Amino acid sequence: MPEDLLTIGEVAARAGVAPSALRHYESLGLLTSERTGGNQRRYARTVLRRVAVIRAAQHVGLSLAEIGEAFSRFPPDHAPTKRDWARLAREWRPRLDARIRELEQVRDGLSMCVGCGCLSMRQCAIYNPGDELAAGGAGARRVFPQVSASA
């Protein structure tokens, strides 16, 4: 095995993720690996930085689809640089600002629910203000109200 390639166990240990997470990221195209003659995965060291970016982005609430969209601009073996990270952070900021507003709405609305025992999705100001979701049909529709990025 070339010294610049890491096993899935080595990457998992160094990156602090489970091997199953690495396989999942790879299935989504976020990571790539080479295969040995015995069909074992081997990763370039650059994958460590990619996993770090994935984990940081997930930590702030971005989905793997959003991360994959950003990574689609890079070659598969590219380790994001400081400049890349700064650009991604700028691009993700509106999404993160919207998420912050959503969480503030939930936080501010919780005081209305303390002790009220309301189980009505029709009246709940947090989950379904004005029963807006009824127009979409029966069944669960959302957990949080949609907040526009311009709000």
Protein backbone atom coordinates (compact mmCIF):
# COMPACT_ATOMS: atom_id res chain seq x y z
CA MET A 1 0.00 0.00 0.00
CA PRO A 2 1.40 3.42 -0.88
CA GLU A 3 2.17 5.46 2.22
CA ASP A 4 0.07 8.40 1.07
CA LEU A 5 -3.13 6.31 1.15
CA LEU A 6 -5.10 5.62 4.33
CA THR A 7 -7.41 2.73 5.19
CA ILE A 8 -11.02 3.43 6.08
CA GLY A 9 -10.18 2.67 9.72
CA GLU A 10 -7.32 5.15 9.72
CA VAL A 11 -9.47 7.88 8.19
CA ALA A 12 -12.31 7.14 10.62
CA ALA A 13 -9.97 7.34 13.62
CA ARG A 14 -8.23 10.50 12.44
CA ALA A 15 -11.46 12.25 11.39
CA GLY A 16 -13.52 11.16 14.40
CA VAL A 17 -16.29 9.56 12.36
CA ALA A 18 -17.56 6.01 11.96
CA PRO A 19 -16.46 4.00 8.92
CA SER A 20 -20.14 3.77 7.97
CA ALA A 21 -20.24 7.59 7.75
CA LEU A 22 -17.29 7.53 5.35
CA ARG A 23 -19.02 4.94 3.18
CA HIS A 24 -22.19 7.05 3.24
CA TYR A 25 -20.30 10.22 2.28
CA GLU A 26 -18.68 8.28 -0.52
CA SER A 27 -22.05 6.96 -1.76
CA LEU A 28 -23.20 10.60 -2.00
CA GLY A 29 -20.11 11.60 -3.96
CA LEU A 30 -18.65 13.74 -1.16
CA LEU A 31 -15.55 11.54 -0.93
CA THR A 32 -13.70 9.22 -3.27
CA SER A 33 -11.49 6.24 -2.62
CA GLU A 34 -9.34 3.85 -4.54
CA ARG A 35 -9.76 0.10 -4.28
CA THR A 36 -7.08 -2.47 -3.61
CA GLY A 37 -6.92 -5.81 -5.39
CA GLY A 38 -8.93 -7.17 -2.44
CA ASN A 39 -11.58 -4.44 -2.95
CA GLN A 40 -10.63 -2.53 0.21
CA ARG A 41 -11.00 1.23 0.26
CA ARG A 42 -7.94 3.43 0.36
CA TYR A 43 -8.25 7.19 0.78
CA ALA A 44 -5.87 9.99 -0.13
CA ARG A 45 -4.87 12.12 2.85
CA THR A 46 -6.80 15.03 1.33
CA VAL A 47 -9.98 13.26 2.39
CA LEU A 48 -9.26 14.28 5.99
CA ARG A 49 -9.81 17.94 5.17
CA ARG A 50 -12.94 17.13 3.16
CA VAL A 51 -14.36 15.23 6.14
CA ALA A 52 -13.49 18.15 8.43
CA VAL A 53 -15.43 20.53 6.15
CA ILE A 54 -18.37 18.11 5.96
CA ARG A 55 -18.50 17.81 9.74
CA ALA A 56 -18.18 21.57 10.30
CA ALA A 57 -20.94 22.29 7.78
CA GLN A 58 -23.21 19.65 9.32
CA HIS A 59 -22.54 21.06 12.76
CA VAL A 60 -24.01 24.41 11.73
CA GLY A 61 -27.08 22.74 10.24
CA LEU A 62 -26.29 22.32 6.56
CA SER A 63 -27.55 19.22 4.83
CA LEU A 64 -25.37 16.72 3.02
CA ALA A 65 -27.12 17.79 -0.19
CA GLU A 66 -26.02 21.41 0.38
CA ILE A 67 -22.50 20.25 1.13
CA GLY A 68 -22.50 18.06 -1.97
CA GLU A 69 -23.63 20.98 -4.11
CA ALA A 70 -20.69 23.02 -2.83
CA PHE A 71 -18.24 20.16 -3.30
CA SER A 72 -19.42 19.61 -6.88
CA ARG A 73 -17.28 22.61 -7.87
CA PHE A 74 -14.09 20.90 -6.73
CA PRO A 75 -12.23 17.96 -8.23
CA PRO A 76 -13.04 14.76 -6.31
CA ASP A 77 -9.64 14.60 -4.61
CA HIS A 78 -9.42 18.33 -3.81
CA ALA A 79 -8.84 19.31 -0.18
CA PRO A 80 -10.69 22.59 0.43
CA THR A 81 -8.29 25.43 1.10
CA LYS A 82 -8.68 28.39 3.42
CA ARG A 83 -9.84 30.44 0.42
CA ASP A 84 -12.37 27.72 -0.52
CA TRP A 85 -13.68 27.64 3.05
CA ALA A 86 -14.08 31.43 3.11
CA ARG A 87 -16.06 31.34 -0.15
CA LEU A 88 -18.26 28.49 1.11
CA ALA A 89 -18.87 30.35 4.37
CA ARG A 90 -19.99 33.46 2.44
CA GLU A 91 -22.30 31.39 0.25
CA TRP A 92 -23.79 29.49 3.21
CA ARG A 93 -24.32 32.58 5.35
CA PRO A 94 -27.85 33.40 4.08
CA ARG A 95 -28.93 29.81 4.77
CA LEU A 96 -27.44 29.96 8.25
CA ASP A 97 -29.03 33.34 8.94
CA ALA A 98 -32.41 31.88 7.93
CA ARG A 99 -31.86 28.92 10.25
CA ILE A 100 -31.02 31.30 13.11
CA ARG A 101 -34.28 33.17 12.47
CA GLU A 102 -36.19 29.86 12.51
CA LEU A 103 -34.66 28.92 15.84
CA GLU A 104 -35.39 32.36 17.27
CA GLN A 105 -39.05 31.95 16.26
CA VAL A 106 -39.20 28.61 18.02
CA ARG A 107 -37.44 30.02 21.09
CA ASP A 108 -39.72 33.05 21.27
CA GLY A 109 -42.83 30.98 20.69
CA LEU A 110 -42.07 28.42 23.37
CA SER A 111 -43.20 30.75 26.12
CA MET A 112 -46.72 30.65 24.69
CA CYS A 113 -46.82 26.89 25.05
CA VAL A 114 -45.53 26.44 28.57
CA GLY A 115 -48.31 24.82 30.53
CA CYS A 116 -51.04 25.41 27.97
CA GLY A 117 -51.30 21.78 26.97
CA CYS A 118 -52.26 22.75 23.44
CA LEU A 119 -52.25 19.75 21.16
CA SER A 120 -54.03 21.47 18.31
CA MET A 121 -51.99 21.85 15.15
CA ARG A 122 -54.77 24.15 13.97
CA GLN A 123 -54.12 26.71 16.68
CA CYS A 124 -50.42 26.25 17.34
CA ALA A 125 -48.58 29.49 16.56
CA ILE A 126 -45.22 27.72 16.40
CA TYR A 127 -45.83 24.72 14.18
CA ASN A 128 -48.80 25.79 12.09
CA PRO A 129 -49.71 29.46 12.42
CA GLY A 130 -53.18 30.14 11.07
CA ASP A 131 -53.52 26.50 9.99
CA GLU A 132 -51.54 27.37 6.83
CA LEU A 133 -50.63 23.76 6.21
CA ALA A 134 -54.23 22.60 5.77
CA ALA A 135 -54.09 23.74 2.15
CA GLY A 136 -51.37 21.14 1.51
CA GLY A 137 -53.61 18.20 2.42
CA ALA A 138 -53.74 15.73 5.26
CA GLY A 139 -50.72 14.52 7.19
CA ALA A 140 -47.60 16.04 8.65
CA ARG A 141 -46.10 18.77 6.49
CA ARG A 142 -43.36 20.60 8.42
CA VAL A 143 -41.74 20.86 11.78
CA PHE A 144 -40.74 24.53 11.62
CA PRO A 145 -42.40 27.41 9.79
CA GLN A 146 -40.60 28.53 6.64
CA VAL A 147 -38.64 31.74 7.06
CA SER A 148 -37.64 33.58 3.93
CA ALA A 149 -33.97 34.49 3.55
CA SER A 150 -34.91 38.14 3.12
CA ALA A 151 -36.86 38.37 6.38
